[in-house]
Protein backbone atom coordinates (compact mmCIF):
# COMPACT_ATOMS: atom_id res chain seq x y z
CA MET A 1 258.75 -8.95 96.10
CA THR A 2 258.63 -6.85 93.19
CA ILE A 3 256.03 -7.56 90.44
CA MET A 4 257.38 -8.40 86.70
CA LEU A 5 255.88 -6.25 84.19
CA ASP A 6 255.59 -7.69 80.30
CA GLY A 7 253.76 -6.95 77.24
CA PRO A 8 254.02 -6.16 73.77
CA ARG A 9 257.42 -4.78 72.07
CA ARG A 10 258.12 -3.36 68.81
CA PRO A 11 262.26 -3.45 67.29
CA ALA A 12 263.57 -0.86 66.48
CA HIS A 13 262.97 0.09 62.26
CA SER A 14 266.42 0.44 61.93
CA GLY A 15 267.48 -3.14 63.58
CA LYS A 16 269.52 -1.53 66.50
CA ALA A 17 268.00 0.20 69.56
CA ASP A 18 269.85 3.84 70.20
CA SER A 19 266.59 4.54 72.53
CA LEU A 20 263.48 2.77 74.18
CA VAL A 21 260.16 4.26 73.94
CA VAL A 22 257.95 3.00 76.64
CA LEU A 23 254.19 3.66 76.67
CA LEU A 24 251.61 3.07 79.13
CA HIS A 25 248.60 2.32 78.83
CA GLY A 26 245.22 3.80 81.37
CA HIS A 27 243.15 2.26 83.91
CA PHE A 28 241.41 -1.28 82.03
CA ALA A 29 243.48 -1.59 79.63
CA ASN A 30 246.34 -3.49 78.42
CA GLY A 31 249.58 -3.06 76.49
CA GLU A 32 248.25 -3.91 73.23
CA ASP A 33 246.26 -0.10 73.07
CA LEU A 34 248.79 1.59 72.44
CA ILE A 35 251.74 -0.28 70.68
CA SER A 36 250.24 0.57 67.59
CA LEU A 37 251.65 3.81 67.96
CA ALA A 38 254.79 2.46 68.01
CA ASP A 39 254.29 1.41 63.80
CA ILE A 40 254.09 5.33 63.61
CA LEU A 41 256.11 6.78 65.58
CA GLY A 42 258.83 4.66 64.33
CA GLU A 43 258.67 5.48 61.12
CA THR A 44 260.58 9.04 62.34
CA LEU A 45 262.36 7.34 64.86
CA PRO A 46 263.97 4.36 63.15
CA GLY A 47 266.35 3.94 66.03
CA ALA A 48 263.52 3.48 68.86
CA ALA A 49 262.13 -0.15 70.13
CA PHE A 50 259.25 0.10 71.57
CA ALA A 51 257.53 -1.60 74.99
CA ALA A 52 254.46 -1.43 76.06
CA PRO A 53 253.44 -3.23 79.13
CA ASN A 54 250.79 -4.64 80.98
CA ALA A 55 249.78 -2.59 84.16
CA VAL A 56 250.51 -4.73 87.80
CA GLU A 57 247.10 -5.85 88.37
CA GLN A 58 244.84 -7.55 85.75
CA MET A 59 241.29 -7.16 86.68
CA ALA A 60 238.31 -9.92 87.05
CA TYR A 61 237.04 -9.10 83.10
CA PRO A 62 235.35 -11.98 81.01
CA GLY A 63 236.48 -10.09 77.83
CA PRO A 64 240.32 -8.94 77.08
CA PRO A 65 242.91 -9.11 79.19
CA ALA A 66 242.66 -5.50 81.26
CA TYR A 67 244.91 -4.40 83.72
CA ARG A 68 245.47 -1.39 86.16
CA TRP A 69 248.60 0.32 88.01
CA PHE A 70 246.37 0.75 90.55
CA GLU A 71 242.46 0.70 91.88
CA LEU A 72 240.17 3.63 91.41
CA SER A 73 237.59 3.65 94.28
CA ARG A 74 237.55 7.39 95.40
CA ARG A 75 239.00 8.96 92.64
CA ASP A 76 240.52 11.42 95.11
CA PRO A 77 244.54 12.45 95.83
CA GLU A 78 245.26 10.32 98.56
CA GLU A 79 244.15 7.50 97.00
CA TYR A 80 246.34 8.88 93.41
CA ILE A 81 249.90 9.16 95.02
CA ALA A 82 249.44 5.69 96.84
CA GLY A 83 248.33 3.93 93.62
CA THR A 84 251.92 5.28 91.92
CA ARG A 85 253.69 4.84 94.89
CA SER A 86 252.46 0.93 94.86
CA ALA A 87 252.91 0.09 91.57
CA ALA A 88 256.25 2.36 90.91
CA PRO A 89 258.79 0.04 92.00
CA ALA A 90 257.42 -2.70 89.74
CA LEU A 91 257.62 -0.22 86.54
CA ASP A 92 261.22 1.24 87.61
CA SER A 93 261.92 -1.96 87.38
CA PHE A 94 260.53 -2.74 83.85
CA LEU A 95 262.32 -0.08 82.56
CA ASP A 96 266.20 -0.84 83.94
CA SER A 97 264.96 -4.80 82.35
CA GLU A 98 264.79 -2.79 79.08
CA LEU A 99 267.43 -0.72 78.97
CA GLN A 100 269.58 -3.42 80.08
CA ARG A 101 268.20 -5.91 77.10
CA LEU A 102 268.91 -3.48 74.63
CA GLY A 103 272.32 -2.44 75.91
CA LEU A 104 271.25 1.30 76.32
CA PRO A 105 272.10 3.56 78.43
CA THR A 106 269.58 4.92 80.94
CA ASP A 107 269.23 8.43 79.67
CA ARG A 108 268.20 7.29 75.95
CA LEU A 109 264.42 6.30 77.49
CA ALA A 110 261.14 8.29 77.30
CA LEU A 111 258.11 7.63 78.93
CA VAL A 112 254.32 7.87 77.02
CA GLY A 113 251.50 7.88 79.14
CA PHE A 114 248.23 7.58 78.77
CA SER A 115 245.16 8.84 81.34
CA GLN A 116 246.39 6.36 84.57
CA GLY A 117 249.42 5.69 82.85
CA THR A 118 250.46 9.62 82.90
CA MET A 119 250.47 9.52 86.31
CA MET A 120 252.93 6.75 86.84
CA ALA A 121 254.94 8.56 83.81
CA LEU A 122 255.12 11.05 85.72
CA HIS A 123 255.42 10.00 88.88
CA VAL A 124 258.20 7.36 88.01
CA GLY A 125 259.82 9.60 85.21
CA LEU A 126 260.82 12.34 87.83
CA ARG A 127 261.99 10.28 90.61
CA ARG A 128 264.24 8.19 88.14
CA LYS A 129 268.44 8.51 89.17
CA THR A 130 269.45 9.74 85.72
CA ALA A 131 266.48 11.66 83.43
CA PRO A 132 264.53 9.94 80.81
CA ALA A 133 265.24 12.12 77.32
CA ALA A 134 261.38 13.02 77.61
CA ILE A 135 258.10 12.02 79.21
CA VAL A 136 255.01 12.82 76.86
CA GLY A 137 251.62 12.57 79.48
CA LEU A 138 247.91 12.34 77.96
CA SER A 139 244.84 13.22 79.27
CA GLY A 140 246.38 12.27 82.58
CA VAL A 141 247.16 14.38 85.92
CA ILE A 142 249.53 14.42 88.22
CA ALA A 143 249.92 12.00 91.75
CA GLY A 144 250.99 13.98 94.69
CA ALA A 145 251.44 18.00 93.04
CA ASP A 146 251.97 18.71 96.21
CA LYS A 147 254.89 16.16 97.05
CA LEU A 148 256.62 16.61 93.84
CA ARG A 149 258.78 19.63 94.95
CA ASP A 150 260.32 17.62 98.18
CA GLU A 151 260.76 14.16 96.12
CA ILE A 152 262.09 15.41 92.63
CA VAL A 153 265.14 13.56 91.29
CA CYS A 154 265.27 14.63 87.69
CA ARG A 155 263.92 17.26 85.28
CA PRO A 156 263.45 16.04 82.17
CA PRO A 157 260.91 17.71 79.01
CA VAL A 158 257.82 17.08 80.03
CA LEU A 159 254.76 17.74 77.02
CA LEU A 160 251.03 17.42 78.52
CA MET A 161 248.45 16.92 76.08
CA HIS A 162 244.65 17.18 76.86
CA GLY A 163 241.58 16.99 74.74
CA SER A 164 239.37 20.00 75.55
CA HIS A 165 235.96 17.50 76.03
CA ASP A 166 237.35 14.86 78.30
CA GLU A 167 234.50 13.52 79.89
CA VAL A 168 236.92 11.52 82.51
CA ILE A 169 239.47 13.64 83.42
CA PRO A 170 238.35 17.43 82.88
CA VAL A 171 240.42 19.11 81.07
CA GLY A 172 241.64 21.34 84.15
CA ALA A 173 243.88 18.55 85.24
CA LEU A 174 246.51 19.25 83.02
CA TYR A 175 246.68 22.80 84.11
CA LEU A 176 247.10 21.44 87.96
CA THR A 177 249.82 19.26 86.33
CA ARG A 178 251.71 22.00 84.71
CA GLU A 179 251.81 23.77 87.69
CA ALA A 180 253.38 21.78 89.94
CA ILE A 181 255.61 20.35 87.74
CA ALA A 182 256.73 24.10 86.50
CA LYS A 183 256.93 25.10 89.94
CA ALA A 184 259.31 21.87 90.57
CA GLY A 185 261.56 23.35 87.68
CA VAL A 186 260.58 20.78 85.21
CA PRO A 187 260.72 22.44 81.52
CA VAL A 188 257.22 21.87 80.04
CA ASP A 189 255.14 22.04 76.85
CA CYS A 190 251.10 22.17 77.10
CA HIS A 191 248.35 21.92 74.15
CA VAL A 192 244.88 21.67 74.37
CA CYS A 193 243.20 19.71 71.68
CA ASP A 194 240.31 21.41 70.78
CA GLY A 195 236.94 19.25 70.61
CA LEU A 196 238.67 16.04 71.51
CA GLY A 197 236.86 13.77 74.69
CA HIS A 198 239.23 11.17 76.08
CA GLY A 199 241.14 9.58 73.49
CA ILE A 200 244.21 9.89 71.65
CA ASP A 201 243.62 11.59 67.83
CA ASP A 202 246.07 12.55 64.74
CA ASP A 203 247.00 15.71 66.45
CA VAL A 204 248.14 14.08 69.41
CA VAL A 205 250.01 11.22 67.80
CA GLU A 206 251.69 14.33 65.76
CA ARG A 207 252.78 16.26 68.34
CA THR A 208 254.18 13.31 70.46
CA GLN A 209 255.82 12.18 67.38
CA ALA A 210 257.82 15.66 66.97
CA PHE A 211 259.14 15.93 70.14
CA LEU A 212 260.12 12.69 71.35
CA VAL A 213 262.25 13.47 67.67
CA ARG A 214 263.54 16.69 68.87
CA HIS A 215 264.82 15.04 72.15
CA LEU A 216 265.53 11.62 71.70
CA LYS A 217 268.04 13.02 68.35
CA ALA A 218 269.14 15.68 69.51
CA GLN A 219 270.50 13.63 72.83
CA ALA A 220 271.76 10.75 70.43
CA ALA A 221 273.84 13.87 68.25
CA VAL A 222 275.29 14.85 71.44
């Protein structure tokens, strides 16, 4: 049975949604970690509704609720692809449900992932029957790079950003991910954030905002 995801949401600033931006948090976090981005991103995307689902598995932890998309014990490529495949149906179902709830066509979707959430955004986003308008991957890495060309279904524009001083997922992950998705025919932009660790700064937010505006607004105008 597919797990039903839930998490914080923000309605469109305009009052009527013309697009949906889904924010996917990293390991040992929750949807509240990223939903505040909606307040900033929504300034130039007034028609965008935002959702930040909690991941599939709640972790045993005495503090605030913490979730993960899949277990990270070995941190190797096989664990990554097995984990993303396991969590993908729940995320796919959530995306379909949110689009239906808002009365939006399936191409009015953008995915923004951070860390483990980037793995999920790329895995699910590149296998959707209808291409999302855009995918943004922050401080993450692709799962199953060697399998993508055989499994890819759609080729939405992708923006990858990574801190030069990321201590959790080294910046080399950006280059590996860029090469894999470019070889699969996906249009990809990249940016290395000088001095940034495993996190999100103002530069990342501004570039994410500009990328989403470019692709969501351009698509809406067609």
